[in-house]
C-alpha atoms as a PDB file:
ATOM      1  CA  MET A   1      -0.203   0.116  -0.014  1.00  0.00           C
ATOM      2  CA  ASN A   2       1.383   3.338  -0.666  1.00  0.00           C
ATOM      3  CA  ILE A   3       0.360   6.867  -1.007  1.00  0.00           C
ATOM      4  CA  PRO A   4      -1.403   7.180  -4.264  1.00  0.00           C
ATOM      5  CA  ASN A   5      -3.461   3.274  -3.659  1.00  0.00           C
ATOM      6  CA  ILE A   6      -4.664   5.248  -0.520  1.00  0.00           C
ATOM      7  CA  LEU A   7      -5.688   8.156  -2.168  1.00  0.00           C
ATOM      8  CA  THR A   8      -7.616   6.567  -4.864  1.00  0.00           C
ATOM      9  CA  LEU A   9      -8.977   4.424  -1.886  1.00  0.00           C
ATOM     10  CA  LEU A  10      -9.795   7.587  -0.591  1.00  0.00           C
ATOM     11  CA  ARG A  11     -11.743   8.925  -3.491  1.00  0.00           C
ATOM     12  CA  ILE A  12     -13.921   5.099  -3.250  1.00  0.00           C
ATOM     13  CA  ALA A  13     -14.458   5.875   0.519  1.00  0.00           C
ATOM     14  CA  LEU A  14     -15.912   9.326  -0.397  1.00  0.00           C
ATOM     15  CA  ILE A  15     -18.767   7.914  -2.711  1.00  0.00           C
ATOM     16  CA  PRO A  16     -21.196   6.885   0.649  1.00  0.00           C
ATOM     17  CA  VAL A  17     -20.224  10.251   2.039  1.00  0.00           C
ATOM     18  CA  PHE A  18     -21.095  12.130  -1.114  1.00  0.00           C
ATOM     19  CA  LEU A  19     -24.468  10.207  -1.296  1.00  0.00           C
ATOM     20  CA  VAL A  20     -25.534  11.111   2.576  1.00  0.00           C
ATOM     21  CA  LEU A  21     -24.854  14.666   1.726  1.00  0.00           C
ATOM     22  CA  PHE A  22     -26.817  14.948  -1.489  1.00  0.00           C
ATOM     23  CA  TYR A  23     -29.814  13.793   0.230  1.00  0.00           C
ATOM     24  CA  LEU A  24     -29.508  15.758   3.262  1.00  0.00           C
ATOM     25  CA  PRO A  25     -32.556  17.867   3.348  1.00  0.00           C
ATOM     26  CA  THR A  26     -30.486  21.298   4.772  1.00  0.00           C
ATOM     27  CA  GLU A  27     -29.500  24.226   2.504  1.00  0.00           C
ATOM     28  CA  TRP A  28     -26.310  23.760   2.639  1.00  0.00           C
ATOM     29  CA  ALA A  29     -26.050  20.365   1.291  1.00  0.00           C
ATOM     30  CA  TYR A  30     -25.418  20.427  -2.326  1.00  0.00           C
ATOM     31  CA  LYS A  31     -22.305  22.837  -1.531  1.00  0.00           C
ATOM     32  CA  ALA A  32     -20.935  20.204   1.012  1.00  0.00           C
ATOM     33  CA  CYS A  33     -21.439  17.446  -1.770  1.00  0.00           C
ATOM     34  CA  ALA A  34     -20.076  19.555  -4.040  1.00  0.00           C
ATOM     35  CA  THR A  35     -17.012  20.258  -2.091  1.00  0.00           C
ATOM     36  CA  VAL A  36     -16.888  16.182  -1.835  1.00  0.00           C
ATOM     37  CA  PHE A  37     -16.891  15.780  -5.505  1.00  0.00           C
ATOM     38  CA  ALA A  38     -13.894  18.231  -5.953  1.00  0.00           C
ATOM     39  CA  ALA A  39     -11.914  16.691  -3.220  1.00  0.00           C
ATOM     40  CA  ALA A  40     -12.494  13.454  -5.093  1.00  0.00           C
ATOM     41  CA  ALA A  41     -11.437  14.998  -8.432  1.00  0.00           C
ATOM     42  CA  LEU A  42      -8.423  16.432  -6.754  1.00  0.00           C
ATOM     43  CA  THR A  43      -7.377  12.748  -5.052  1.00  0.00           C
ATOM     44  CA  ASP A  44      -7.881  12.019  -9.038  1.00  0.00           C
ATOM     45  CA  LEU A  45      -5.230  14.605 -10.275  1.00  0.00           C
ATOM     46  CA  LEU A  46      -2.577  14.061  -7.170  1.00  0.00           C
ATOM     47  CA  ASP A  47      -2.774  10.046  -7.304  1.00  0.00           C
ATOM     48  CA  GLY A  48      -1.432   9.869 -10.244  1.00  0.00           C
ATOM     49  CA  TRP A  49       0.921  12.671 -10.097  1.00  0.00           C
ATOM     50  CA  LEU A  50       2.423  11.449  -7.110  1.00  0.00           C
ATOM     51  CA  ALA A  51       2.479   7.556  -7.975  1.00  0.00           C
ATOM     52  CA  ARG A  52       4.847   8.822 -10.899  1.00  0.00           C
ATOM     53  CA  LYS A  53       6.607  11.306  -8.639  1.00  0.00           C
ATOM     54  CA  LEU A  54       7.542   8.661  -5.807  1.00  0.00           C
ATOM     55  CA  GLU A  55       7.774   6.078  -8.811  1.00  0.00           C
ATOM     56  CA  GLN A  56       4.936   4.358  -7.113  1.00  0.00           C
ATOM     57  CA  VAL A  57       2.899   2.862  -9.945  1.00  0.00           C
ATOM     58  CA  SER A  58       1.686  -0.283  -8.971  1.00  0.00           C
ATOM     59  CA  ALA A  59      -0.947  -2.979 -10.748  1.00  0.00           C
ATOM     60  CA  LEU A  60      -3.470  -2.305  -7.949  1.00  0.00           C
ATOM     61  CA  GLY A  61      -3.249   1.583  -8.707  1.00  0.00           C
ATOM     62  CA  ALA A  62      -3.858   1.195 -12.462  1.00  0.00           C
ATOM     63  CA  PHE A  63      -7.025  -1.345 -11.994  1.00  0.00           C
ATOM     64  CA  LEU A  64      -7.743   1.208  -8.980  1.00  0.00           C
ATOM     65  CA  ASP A  65      -7.619   4.284 -10.438  1.00  0.00           C
ATOM     66  CA  PRO A  66      -9.959   4.489 -13.487  1.00  0.00           C
ATOM     67  CA  VAL A  67     -12.504   2.189 -11.320  1.00  0.00           C
ATOM     68  CA  ALA A  68     -12.835   4.624  -8.525  1.00  0.00           C
ATOM     69  CA  ASP A  69     -13.319   7.786 -11.458  1.00  0.00           C
ATOM     70  CA  LYS A  70     -15.976   5.883 -12.952  1.00  0.00           C
ATOM     71  CA  LEU A  71     -17.780   5.323  -9.368  1.00  0.00           C
ATOM     72  CA  MET A  72     -17.746   8.628  -8.554  1.00  0.00           C
ATOM     73  CA  VAL A  73     -18.637  10.201 -11.640  1.00  0.00           C
ATOM     74  CA  SER A  74     -21.330   7.459 -12.590  1.00  0.00           C
ATOM     75  CA  THR A  75     -22.588   7.966  -9.177  1.00  0.00           C
ATOM     76  CA  SER A  76     -22.670  11.918  -9.590  1.00  0.00           C
ATOM     77  CA  LEU A  77     -24.390  11.676 -13.044  1.00  0.00           C
ATOM     78  CA  VAL A  78     -27.372   9.149 -11.714  1.00  0.00           C
ATOM     79  CA  LEU A  79     -28.273  11.568  -9.104  1.00  0.00           C
ATOM     80  CA  LEU A  80     -28.147  14.904 -11.172  1.00  0.00           C
ATOM     81  CA  VAL A  81     -30.304  12.754 -13.034  1.00  0.00           C
ATOM     82  CA  GLN A  82     -32.618  11.952 -10.650  1.00  0.00           C
ATOM     83  CA  ARG A  83     -32.637  15.430  -9.133  1.00  0.00           C
ATOM     84  CA  ASP A  84     -33.491  17.126 -12.588  1.00  0.00           C
ATOM     85  CA  PRO A  85     -34.910  14.192 -14.504  1.00  0.00           C
ATOM     86  CA  GLU A  86     -34.987  16.223 -18.082  1.00  0.00           C
ATOM     87  CA  PRO A  87     -33.638  15.009 -21.515  1.00  0.00           C
ATOM     88  CA  TRP A  88     -31.093  17.836 -21.463  1.00  0.00           C
ATOM     89  CA  MET A  89     -29.626  16.047 -18.254  1.00  0.00           C
ATOM     90  CA  ALA A  90     -30.413  12.402 -18.880  1.00  0.00           C
ATOM     91  CA  ILE A  91     -28.778  12.556 -22.541  1.00  0.00           C
ATOM     92  CA  PRO A  92     -25.462  13.427 -21.613  1.00  0.00           C
ATOM     93  CA  ALA A  93     -25.590  11.299 -18.648  1.00  0.00           C
ATOM     94  CA  LEU A  94     -26.157   8.276 -20.790  1.00  0.00           C
ATOM     95  CA  VAL A  95     -23.595   9.027 -23.335  1.00  0.00           C
ATOM     96  CA  ILE A  96     -20.971   9.613 -20.775  1.00  0.00           C
ATOM     97  CA  ILE A  97     -22.086   6.130 -18.508  1.00  0.00           C
ATOM     98  CA  GLY A  98     -22.490   4.365 -21.881  1.00  0.00           C
ATOM     99  CA  ARG A  99     -18.951   5.749 -23.112  1.00  0.00           C
ATOM    100  CA  GLU A 100     -16.975   4.689 -20.290  1.00  0.00           C
ATOM    101  CA  ILE A 101     -18.648   1.131 -20.210  1.00  0.00           C
ATOM    102  CA  THR A 102     -18.132   0.678 -24.224  1.00  0.00           C
ATOM    103  CA  ILE A 103     -14.134   1.802 -23.775  1.00  0.00           C
ATOM    104  CA  SER A 104     -13.863  -0.248 -20.470  1.00  0.00           C
ATOM    105  CA  ALA A 105     -14.616  -3.565 -22.120  1.00  0.00           C
ATOM    106  CA  LEU A 106     -13.275  -2.366 -25.214  1.00  0.00           C
ATOM    107  CA  ARG A 107     -10.067  -2.180 -23.323  1.00  0.00           C
ATOM    108  CA  GLU A 108     -10.046  -5.651 -21.418  1.00  0.00           C
ATOM    109  CA  TRP A 109     -10.569  -7.440 -24.318  1.00  0.00           C
ATOM    110  CA  MET A 110      -7.914  -5.452 -26.432  1.00  0.00           C
ATOM    111  CA  ALA A 111      -5.831  -6.637 -23.279  1.00  0.00           C
ATOM    112  CA  GLU A 112      -6.732 -10.135 -23.538  1.00  0.00           C
ATOM    113  CA  LEU A 113      -5.423  -9.885 -27.451  1.00  0.00           C
ATOM    114  CA  GLY A 114      -2.057  -7.970 -25.667  1.00  0.00           C
ATOM    115  CA  GLU A 115      -3.153  -5.343 -27.885  1.00  0.00           C
ATOM    116  CA  ARG A 116      -4.196  -2.905 -25.056  1.00  0.00           C
ATOM    117  CA  THR A 117      -1.782  -0.156 -26.218  1.00  0.00           C
ATOM    118  CA  GLN A 118      -4.013   0.537 -29.016  1.00  0.00           C
ATOM    119  CA  VAL A 119      -6.800   2.230 -26.753  1.00  0.00           C
ATOM    120  CA  ALA A 120      -4.381   4.140 -23.887  1.00  0.00           C
ATOM    121  CA  VAL A 121      -5.572   7.003 -22.774  1.00  0.00           C
ATOM    122  CA  SER A 122      -5.565  10.407 -25.360  1.00  0.00           C
ATOM    123  CA  THR A 123      -5.131  13.784 -25.151  1.00  0.00           C
ATOM    124  CA  ILE A 124      -8.773  13.864 -25.896  1.00  0.00           C
ATOM    125  CA  GLY A 125      -9.651  12.001 -23.032  1.00  0.00           C
ATOM    126  CA  LYS A 126      -7.756  14.188 -20.507  1.00  0.00           C
ATOM    127  CA  PHE A 127      -9.822  16.895 -21.969  1.00  0.00           C
ATOM    128  CA  LYS A 128     -13.099  15.242 -21.765  1.00  0.00           C
ATOM    129  CA  THR A 129     -12.198  14.203 -17.914  1.00  0.00           C
ATOM    130  CA  THR A 130     -11.314  18.366 -16.803  1.00  0.00           C
ATOM    131  CA  ALA A 131     -14.704  19.366 -18.743  1.00  0.00           C
ATOM    132  CA  GLN A 132     -16.204  16.557 -17.360  1.00  0.00           C
ATOM    133  CA  MET A 133     -15.242  17.170 -13.737  1.00  0.00           C
ATOM    134  CA  ILE A 134     -15.606  20.976 -13.617  1.00  0.00           C
ATOM    135  CA  ALA A 135     -19.307  20.686 -15.095  1.00  0.00           C
ATOM    136  CA  ILE A 136     -20.490  17.866 -12.521  1.00  0.00           C
ATOM    137  CA  PHE A 137     -18.770  20.368 -10.117  1.00  0.00           C
ATOM    138  CA  LEU A 138     -21.014  23.159 -11.017  1.00  0.00           C
ATOM    139  CA  LEU A 139     -23.962  21.098 -11.533  1.00  0.00           C
ATOM    140  CA  ILE A 140     -23.826  19.797  -8.079  1.00  0.00           C
ATOM    141  CA  TYR A 141     -22.996  23.006  -6.267  1.00  0.00           C
ATOM    142  CA  ARG A 142     -25.926  24.516  -8.323  1.00  0.00           C
ATOM    143  CA  GLU A 143     -25.938  28.110  -6.583  1.00  0.00           C
ATOM    144  CA  GLU A 144     -24.862  31.142  -8.588  1.00  0.00           C
ATOM    145  CA  VAL A 145     -21.916  32.816  -7.128  1.00  0.00           C
ATOM    146  CA  GLY A 146     -22.588  36.788  -7.293  1.00  0.00           C
ATOM    147  CA  PRO A 147     -23.153  36.985 -11.086  1.00  0.00           C
ATOM    148  CA  PHE A 148     -21.261  34.004 -12.166  1.00  0.00           C
ATOM    149  CA  PRO A 149     -24.219  31.549 -13.488  1.00  0.00           C
ATOM    150  CA  SER A 150     -22.714  27.833 -11.650  1.00  0.00           C
ATOM    151  CA  TYR A 151     -25.266  25.610 -12.739  1.00  0.00           C
ATOM    152  CA  THR A 152     -25.816  27.033 -16.647  1.00  0.00           C
ATOM    153  CA  VAL A 153     -21.763  26.846 -16.912  1.00  0.00           C
ATOM    154  CA  GLY A 154     -21.912  23.651 -15.445  1.00  0.00           C
ATOM    155  CA  TYR A 155     -24.447  22.580 -18.178  1.00  0.00           C
ATOM    156  CA  VAL A 156     -22.598  24.077 -20.957  1.00  0.00           C
ATOM    157  CA  LEU A 157     -19.581  22.128 -19.912  1.00  0.00           C
ATOM    158  CA  LEU A 158     -21.571  19.102 -19.319  1.00  0.00           C
ATOM    159  CA  ALA A 159     -22.371  19.512 -23.231  1.00  0.00           C
ATOM    160  CA  ILE A 160     -18.882  19.986 -24.124  1.00  0.00           C
ATOM    161  CA  ALA A 161     -17.769  16.785 -22.056  1.00  0.00           C
ATOM    162  CA  THR A 162     -20.575  14.783 -23.755  1.00  0.00           C
ATOM    163  CA  LEU A 163     -19.405  15.977 -27.460  1.00  0.00           C
ATOM    164  CA  LEU A 164     -15.996  15.222 -26.534  1.00  0.00           C
ATOM    165  CA  THR A 165     -16.898  11.671 -24.684  1.00  0.00           C
ATOM    166  CA  LEU A 166     -18.206  11.177 -28.270  1.00  0.00           C
ATOM    167  CA  TRP A 167     -15.369  12.016 -30.181  1.00  0.00           C
ATOM    168  CA  SER A 168     -12.558  10.049 -27.826  1.00  0.00           C
ATOM    169  CA  MET A 169     -15.059   7.268 -27.970  1.00  0.00           C
ATOM    170  CA  VAL A 170     -14.550   7.264 -32.021  1.00  0.00           C
ATOM    171  CA  VAL A 171     -10.786   7.653 -31.727  1.00  0.00           C
ATOM    172  CA  TYR A 172     -11.027   4.769 -29.592  1.00  0.00           C
ATOM    173  CA  LEU A 173     -12.909   2.634 -31.679  1.00  0.00           C
ATOM    174  CA  ARG A 174     -10.877   3.584 -34.907  1.00  0.00           C
ATOM    175  CA  ALA A 175      -7.585   2.836 -33.358  1.00  0.00           C
ATOM    176  CA  ALA A 176      -9.196  -0.708 -32.366  1.00  0.00           C
ATOM    177  CA  TRP A 177     -10.908  -1.070 -35.808  1.00  0.00           C
ATOM    178  CA  PRO A 178      -8.628  -3.218 -37.388  1.00  0.00           C
ATOM    179  CA  THR A 179      -8.501  -5.650 -34.554  1.00  0.00           C
ATOM    180  CA  LEU A 180     -12.310  -5.801 -33.978  1.00  0.00           C
ATOM    181  CA  ARG A 181     -12.457  -6.515 -37.650  1.00  0.00           C
ATOM    182  CA  GLY A 182      -9.663  -9.440 -37.304  1.00  0.00           C
ATOM    183  CA  ASP A 183      -6.873  -7.979 -39.069  1.00  0.00           C
ATOM    184  CA  ARG A 184      -4.368  -7.770 -36.432  1.00  0.00           C
ATOM    185  CA  SER A 185      -1.767  -7.182 -38.875  1.00  0.00           C
ATOM    186  CA  SER A 186      -2.822  -3.566 -39.485  1.00  0.00           C
ATOM    187  CA  ASP A 187      -0.877  -0.734 -37.318  1.00  0.00           C
ATOM    188  CA  ALA A 188      -3.908   0.952 -35.873  1.00  0.00           C
ATOM    189  CA  GLY A 189      -1.615   3.273 -33.248  1.00  0.00           C
ATOM    190  CA  ASP A 190      -0.744   5.772 -36.126  1.00  0.00           C
ATOM    191  CA  GLU A 191      -3.982   7.798 -35.139  1.00  0.00           C
END
């Protein structure tokens, strides 16, 4: 057990706290919930950076980190849809969660074939994650901060994250397409 893995486990442990805060019938619940989400997002940045900096990259961390991310993001999106059951919230949530399931399955399948590097994390995926995390934070927070319309900006960023989600999924699927087609001799890594 090392510091990056402890931070990842902390992120998973924050999910029940996040859930309880989301449903608390108090005026400050959404602010507290947004704070917990922000802490989880920051540990995501910090654990990866520390793992590389301290040379503590581990198989456990490589497995747990994406699981922790997907659990927190999926939980948040489901709760946001439950709070605002409108198509403009449900469709992005469905796209984002569906993409995560699709790409996770694709990576697992490609790893079984020894082709895991064909579907490695892309730069687009990193931009998508950043937009998504900021969007979810603002949507949870809800309240305007002075003239800053948190919820509106959060929704715009969620729409951007949804477009980036679709774009990154296409990039991953194109990279894996020769293998999916059965043409393993082609080089799909030129993307």
